[in-house]
Amino acid sequence: MTPEQKYRACLIRSHLEFVENSISKVDSMLNVLAAPYESAIQLLCTILGVDRNSAITIISGTDMTHFSSFKRLCYWAGLTPGNNESASKKKSVRITRAGVYLKPALVQVAHAAVKAIG
């Protein structure tokens, strides 16, 4: 190994250590912030496909009291099909593009549940 290659390997190793330390610090902060919601996290983890990280993602970021029904929450999360109808012709039934954080987490949970089932 040439001196230049050794130097590059050393730089890569130090960068990797920095990244690993940063990830562990973020994980520690996340656990501190999630501690008050531990009972809700544990309850969500009883659902097939939901792990701790998914549960934290699901409960973080918004106050659920703003949603008067599950339909409003689903609409906000971007999990409802679009309703583009004109002259009795439906143009699209794709789900909406809302729910930047919640929708991907719920889709991931659904995929995990499907894998667990069969």
N, C-alpha and C. Protein backbone atom coordinates (compact mmCIF):
# COMPACT_ATOMS: atom_id res chain seq x y z
N MET A 1 0.85 -1.17 0.00
CA MET A 1 0.00 0.00 0.00
C MET A 1 0.91 1.25 0.00
N THR A 2 0.64 2.16 -0.90
CA THR A 2 1.45 3.36 -1.00
C THR A 2 1.09 4.33 0.13
N PRO A 3 1.96 5.29 0.43
CA PRO A 3 1.64 6.28 1.48
C PRO A 3 0.35 7.06 1.19
N GLU A 4 0.09 7.33 -0.08
CA GLU A 4 -1.13 8.04 -0.45
C GLU A 4 -2.37 7.19 -0.14
N GLN A 5 -2.30 5.91 -0.43
CA GLN A 5 -3.42 5.01 -0.14
C GLN A 5 -3.64 4.87 1.36
N LYS A 6 -2.55 4.81 2.13
CA LYS A 6 -2.66 4.73 3.58
C LYS A 6 -3.33 6.00 4.13
N TYR A 7 -2.95 7.15 3.58
CA TYR A 7 -3.54 8.42 4.02
C TYR A 7 -5.04 8.45 3.71
N ARG A 8 -5.40 8.00 2.52
CA ARG A 8 -6.81 7.97 2.15
C ARG A 8 -7.61 7.02 3.05
N ALA A 9 -7.03 5.87 3.33
CA ALA A 9 -7.69 4.91 4.22
C ALA A 9 -7.87 5.49 5.61
N CYS A 10 -6.88 6.22 6.09
CA CYS A 10 -6.98 6.87 7.40
C CYS A 10 -8.08 7.93 7.40
N LEU A 11 -8.16 8.71 6.34
CA LEU A 11 -9.21 9.72 6.23
C LEU A 11 -10.60 9.09 6.21
N ILE A 12 -10.73 8.03 5.46
CA ILE A 12 -12.02 7.35 5.37
C ILE A 12 -12.41 6.77 6.72
N ARG A 13 -11.45 6.16 7.41
CA ARG A 13 -11.72 5.58 8.73
C ARG A 13 -12.14 6.65 9.73
N SER A 14 -11.46 7.79 9.73
CA SER A 14 -11.82 8.86 10.67
C SER A 14 -13.18 9.44 10.34
N HIS A 15 -13.51 9.55 9.06
CA HIS A 15 -14.83 10.04 8.66
C HIS A 15 -15.92 9.06 9.09
N LEU A 16 -15.67 7.78 8.92
CA LEU A 16 -16.63 6.76 9.33
C LEU A 16 -16.86 6.81 10.84
N GLU A 17 -15.81 6.98 11.61
CA GLU A 17 -15.95 7.09 13.06
C GLU A 17 -16.78 8.32 13.44
N PHE A 18 -16.55 9.44 12.74
CA PHE A 18 -17.32 10.66 12.99
C PHE A 18 -18.80 10.43 12.72
N VAL A 19 -19.11 9.78 11.60
CA VAL A 19 -20.50 9.50 11.25
C VAL A 19 -21.15 8.59 12.28
N GLU A 20 -20.46 7.55 12.69
CA GLU A 20 -21.00 6.63 13.69
C GLU A 20 -21.26 7.33 15.01
N ASN A 21 -20.35 8.21 15.44
CA ASN A 21 -20.55 8.98 16.67
C ASN A 21 -21.74 9.93 16.54
N SER A 22 -21.88 10.54 15.38
CA SER A 22 -23.01 11.45 15.16
C SER A 22 -24.33 10.70 15.21
N ILE A 23 -24.37 9.53 14.62
CA ILE A 23 -25.59 8.72 14.64
C ILE A 23 -25.94 8.31 16.06
N SER A 24 -24.96 7.92 16.84
CA SER A 24 -25.25 7.51 18.23
C SER A 24 -25.73 8.70 19.07
N LYS A 25 -25.21 9.90 18.81
CA LYS A 25 -25.68 11.09 19.53
C LYS A 25 -27.13 11.40 19.18
N VAL A 26 -27.47 11.30 17.90
CA VAL A 26 -28.85 11.55 17.47
C VAL A 26 -29.79 10.50 18.06
N ASP A 27 -29.37 9.24 18.06
CA ASP A 27 -30.18 8.18 18.67
C ASP A 27 -30.42 8.45 20.15
N SER A 28 -29.39 8.91 20.85
CA SER A 28 -29.53 9.23 22.28
C SER A 28 -30.52 10.37 22.49
N MET A 29 -30.42 11.42 21.69
CA MET A 29 -31.35 12.54 21.81
C MET A 29 -32.77 12.11 21.49
N LEU A 30 -32.92 11.27 20.49
CA LEU A 30 -34.24 10.77 20.11
C LEU A 30 -34.87 9.98 21.25
N ASN A 31 -34.09 9.15 21.91
CA ASN A 31 -34.60 8.37 23.03
C ASN A 31 -35.01 9.26 24.19
N VAL A 32 -34.27 10.33 24.43
CA VAL A 32 -34.63 11.27 25.50
C VAL A 32 -35.94 11.98 25.16
N LEU A 33 -36.08 12.42 23.91
CA LEU A 33 -37.29 13.12 23.49
C LEU A 33 -38.51 12.20 23.45
N ALA A 34 -38.29 10.92 23.16
CA ALA A 34 -39.40 9.97 23.06
C ALA A 34 -39.80 9.39 24.41
N ALA A 35 -39.01 9.59 25.44
CA ALA A 35 -39.27 8.97 26.75
C ALA A 35 -40.67 9.27 27.30
N PRO A 36 -41.19 10.50 27.20
CA PRO A 36 -42.53 10.76 27.73
C PRO A 36 -43.64 9.99 27.00
N TYR A 37 -43.36 9.50 25.81
CA TYR A 37 -44.36 8.81 25.01
C TYR A 37 -44.12 7.30 24.96
N GLU A 38 -43.37 6.79 25.91
CA GLU A 38 -42.98 5.38 25.89
C GLU A 38 -44.17 4.43 25.88
N SER A 39 -45.22 4.76 26.63
CA SER A 39 -46.38 3.86 26.66
C SER A 39 -47.05 3.80 25.29
N ALA A 40 -47.17 4.94 24.61
CA ALA A 40 -47.75 4.95 23.27
C ALA A 40 -46.86 4.20 22.28
N ILE A 41 -45.55 4.35 22.43
CA ILE A 41 -44.60 3.66 21.55
C ILE A 41 -44.74 2.15 21.73
N GLN A 42 -44.80 1.71 22.98
CA GLN A 42 -44.94 0.28 23.25
C GLN A 42 -46.26 -0.25 22.70
N LEU A 43 -47.32 0.53 22.81
CA LEU A 43 -48.62 0.11 22.29
C LEU A 43 -48.58 -0.02 20.76
N LEU A 44 -47.97 0.94 20.09
CA LEU A 44 -47.85 0.87 18.64
C LEU A 44 -47.00 -0.31 18.20
N CYS A 45 -46.00 -0.66 19.00
CA CYS A 45 -45.12 -1.78 18.65
C CYS A 45 -45.83 -3.13 18.71
N THR A 46 -47.04 -3.16 19.29
CA THR A 46 -47.80 -4.41 19.30
C THR A 46 -48.48 -4.67 17.96
N ILE A 47 -48.49 -3.67 17.08
CA ILE A 47 -49.08 -3.82 15.75
C ILE A 47 -48.05 -4.51 14.84
N LEU A 48 -48.51 -5.49 14.09
CA LEU A 48 -47.64 -6.23 13.19
C LEU A 48 -46.97 -5.28 12.20
N GLY A 49 -45.65 -5.31 12.13
CA GLY A 49 -44.88 -4.49 11.19
C GLY A 49 -44.35 -3.20 11.78
N VAL A 50 -44.81 -2.82 12.97
CA VAL A 50 -44.37 -1.56 13.58
C VAL A 50 -43.22 -1.85 14.54
N ASP A 51 -42.05 -1.24 14.27
CA ASP A 51 -40.94 -1.34 15.20
C ASP A 51 -40.82 -0.02 15.96
N ARG A 52 -39.84 0.09 16.82
CA ARG A 52 -39.68 1.28 17.67
C ARG A 52 -39.50 2.55 16.84
N ASN A 53 -38.65 2.49 15.83
CA ASN A 53 -38.41 3.69 15.01
C ASN A 53 -39.67 4.12 14.27
N SER A 54 -40.42 3.16 13.75
CA SER A 54 -41.66 3.49 13.05
C SER A 54 -42.68 4.09 14.02
N ALA A 55 -42.74 3.53 15.22
CA ALA A 55 -43.68 4.05 16.22
C ALA A 55 -43.34 5.49 16.58
N ILE A 56 -42.06 5.78 16.75
CA ILE A 56 -41.65 7.15 17.07
C ILE A 56 -42.00 8.09 15.92
N THR A 57 -41.80 7.65 14.69
CA THR A 57 -42.14 8.47 13.53
C THR A 57 -43.63 8.74 13.48
N ILE A 58 -44.43 7.73 13.77
CA ILE A 58 -45.88 7.87 13.70
C ILE A 58 -46.39 8.88 14.74
N ILE A 59 -45.86 8.84 15.95
CA ILE A 59 -46.40 9.73 17.00
C ILE A 59 -45.73 11.10 17.03
N SER A 60 -44.66 11.27 16.30
CA SER A 60 -43.95 12.56 16.38
C SER A 60 -44.51 13.57 15.39
N GLY A 61 -44.37 14.82 15.74
CA GLY A 61 -44.61 15.87 14.78
C GLY A 61 -45.95 16.55 14.79
N THR A 62 -46.98 15.94 15.32
CA THR A 62 -48.26 16.62 15.27
C THR A 62 -49.13 16.24 16.46
N ASP A 63 -50.01 17.13 16.80
CA ASP A 63 -50.97 16.91 17.87
C ASP A 63 -52.22 16.29 17.26
N MET A 64 -52.51 15.06 17.62
CA MET A 64 -53.61 14.32 17.00
C MET A 64 -54.98 14.86 17.38
N THR A 65 -55.07 15.72 18.37
CA THR A 65 -56.37 16.26 18.76
C THR A 65 -56.94 17.18 17.68
N HIS A 66 -56.13 17.59 16.73
CA HIS A 66 -56.61 18.45 15.65
C HIS A 66 -57.49 17.69 14.65
N PHE A 67 -57.42 16.37 14.69
CA PHE A 67 -58.16 15.57 13.72
C PHE A 67 -59.42 15.02 14.39
N SER A 68 -60.56 15.42 13.87
CA SER A 68 -61.83 15.02 14.47
C SER A 68 -62.22 13.59 14.11
N SER A 69 -61.59 13.04 13.08
CA SER A 69 -61.92 11.67 12.69
C SER A 69 -60.71 11.05 12.02
N PHE A 70 -60.75 9.72 11.88
CA PHE A 70 -59.65 9.03 11.20
C PHE A 70 -59.60 9.42 9.73
N LYS A 71 -60.73 9.80 9.16
CA LYS A 71 -60.75 10.20 7.75
C LYS A 71 -59.93 11.47 7.54
N ARG A 72 -60.04 12.42 8.46
CA ARG A 72 -59.27 13.66 8.34
C ARG A 72 -57.77 13.40 8.50
N LEU A 73 -57.43 12.50 9.42
CA LEU A 73 -56.03 12.13 9.61
C LEU A 73 -55.48 11.46 8.36
N CYS A 74 -56.24 10.55 7.78
CA CYS A 74 -55.80 9.87 6.55
C CYS A 74 -55.62 10.85 5.40
N TYR A 75 -56.52 11.82 5.30
CA TYR A 75 -56.40 12.84 4.25
C TYR A 75 -55.15 13.67 4.46
N TRP A 76 -54.90 14.08 5.71
CA TRP A 76 -53.72 14.88 6.03
C TRP A 76 -52.44 14.11 5.75
N ALA A 77 -52.47 12.81 6.04
CA ALA A 77 -51.28 11.97 5.85
C ALA A 77 -51.04 11.63 4.38
N GLY A 78 -52.00 11.91 3.52
CA GLY A 78 -51.83 11.63 2.10
C GLY A 78 -52.12 10.19 1.76
N LEU A 79 -53.01 9.56 2.51
CA LEU A 79 -53.32 8.16 2.28
C LEU A 79 -54.67 7.94 1.63
N THR A 80 -55.33 9.00 1.21
CA THR A 80 -56.63 8.86 0.56
C THR A 80 -56.48 9.07 -0.94
N PRO A 81 -57.28 8.39 -1.74
CA PRO A 81 -57.19 8.59 -3.18
C PRO A 81 -57.70 9.97 -3.58
N GLY A 82 -57.10 10.51 -4.62
CA GLY A 82 -57.56 11.79 -5.14
C GLY A 82 -58.94 11.64 -5.76
N ASN A 83 -59.70 12.71 -5.77
CA ASN A 83 -61.05 12.66 -6.32
C ASN A 83 -61.15 13.72 -7.41
N ASN A 84 -60.59 13.41 -8.56
CA ASN A 84 -60.61 14.33 -9.68
C ASN A 84 -61.69 13.89 -10.66
N GLU A 85 -62.87 14.45 -10.49
CA GLU A 85 -64.01 14.04 -11.32
C GLU A 85 -64.56 15.28 -12.02
N SER A 86 -64.81 15.12 -13.30
CA SER A 86 -65.37 16.20 -14.09
C SER A 86 -66.29 15.59 -15.13
N ALA A 87 -67.52 16.11 -15.22
CA ALA A 87 -68.51 15.61 -16.17
C ALA A 87 -68.71 14.10 -16.01
N SER A 88 -68.77 13.67 -14.77
CA SER A 88 -68.99 12.26 -14.42
C SER A 88 -67.88 11.33 -14.89
N LYS A 89 -66.69 11.88 -15.18
CA LYS A 89 -65.55 11.05 -15.58
C LYS A 89 -64.45 11.21 -14.54
N LYS A 90 -63.99 10.10 -14.01
CA LYS A 90 -62.90 10.12 -13.04
C LYS A 90 -61.57 10.20 -13.77
N LYS A 91 -60.73 11.14 -13.34
CA LYS A 91 -59.45 11.33 -14.01
C LYS A 91 -58.30 10.61 -13.31
N SER A 92 -58.33 10.52 -11.98
CA SER A 92 -57.23 9.89 -11.26
C SER A 92 -57.72 9.34 -9.93
N VAL A 93 -57.17 8.21 -9.54
CA VAL A 93 -57.50 7.66 -8.23
C VAL A 93 -56.23 7.39 -7.42
N ARG A 94 -55.14 8.03 -7.80
CA ARG A 94 -53.89 7.87 -7.06
C ARG A 94 -54.00 8.55 -5.70
N ILE A 95 -53.19 8.06 -4.76
CA ILE A 95 -53.19 8.71 -3.46
C ILE A 95 -52.50 10.06 -3.59
N THR A 96 -52.85 10.97 -2.67
CA THR A 96 -52.35 12.34 -2.76
C THR A 96 -50.88 12.40 -2.37
N ARG A 97 -50.26 13.54 -2.61
CA ARG A 97 -48.84 13.70 -2.34
C ARG A 97 -48.56 14.31 -0.98
N ALA A 98 -49.53 14.42 -0.13
CA ALA A 98 -49.33 14.99 1.20
C ALA A 98 -48.66 13.97 2.10
N GLY A 99 -48.45 14.32 3.36
CA GLY A 99 -47.90 13.38 4.33
C GLY A 99 -46.46 13.00 4.07
N VAL A 100 -45.60 13.99 3.97
CA VAL A 100 -44.21 13.77 3.58
C VAL A 100 -43.48 12.80 4.52
N TYR A 101 -43.78 12.83 5.82
CA TYR A 101 -43.08 11.98 6.77
C TYR A 101 -43.91 10.78 7.18
N LEU A 102 -45.17 10.99 7.41
CA LEU A 102 -46.01 9.92 7.94
C LEU A 102 -46.31 8.85 6.89
N LYS A 103 -46.63 9.27 5.68
CA LYS A 103 -47.01 8.30 4.64
C LYS A 103 -45.88 7.31 4.35
N PRO A 104 -44.63 7.75 4.15
CA PRO A 104 -43.57 6.76 3.90
C PRO A 104 -43.37 5.80 5.08
N ALA A 105 -43.54 6.30 6.30
CA ALA A 105 -43.39 5.42 7.46
C ALA A 105 -44.50 4.38 7.49
N LEU A 106 -45.73 4.79 7.20
CA LEU A 106 -46.84 3.84 7.20
C LEU A 106 -46.74 2.84 6.05
N VAL A 107 -46.25 3.28 4.91
CA VAL A 107 -46.05 2.36 3.78
C VAL A 107 -44.98 1.33 4.15
N GLN A 108 -43.91 1.78 4.80
CA GLN A 108 -42.86 0.86 5.24
C GLN A 108 -43.40 -0.15 6.24
N VAL A 109 -44.23 0.31 7.16
CA VAL A 109 -44.85 -0.58 8.14
C VAL A 109 -45.73 -1.60 7.43
N ALA A 110 -46.50 -1.15 6.44
CA ALA A 110 -47.37 -2.07 5.71
C ALA A 110 -46.55 -3.15 4.98
N HIS A 111 -45.43 -2.74 4.38
CA HIS A 111 -44.58 -3.72 3.71
C HIS A 111 -44.00 -4.73 4.70
N ALA A 112 -43.58 -4.24 5.88
CA ALA A 112 -43.06 -5.15 6.91
C ALA A 112 -44.13 -6.12 7.38
N ALA A 113 -45.37 -5.64 7.51
CA ALA A 113 -46.45 -6.51 7.95
C ALA A 113 -46.74 -7.59 6.90
N VAL A 114 -46.72 -7.20 5.64
CA VAL A 114 -46.97 -8.17 4.57
C VAL A 114 -45.87 -9.23 4.56
N LYS A 115 -44.61 -8.81 4.75
CA LYS A 115 -43.50 -9.76 4.80
C LYS A 115 -43.65 -10.72 5.97
N ALA A 116 -44.10 -10.20 7.11
CA ALA A 116 -44.24 -11.03 8.31
C ALA A 116 -45.34 -12.07 8.16
N ILE A 117 -46.37 -11.71 7.42
CA ILE A 117 -47.51 -12.62 7.24
C ILE A 117 -47.14 -13.77 6.31
N GLY A 118 -46.45 -13.44 5.25
CA GLY A 118 -46.29 -14.56 4.36
C GLY A 118 -45.20 -14.52 3.41
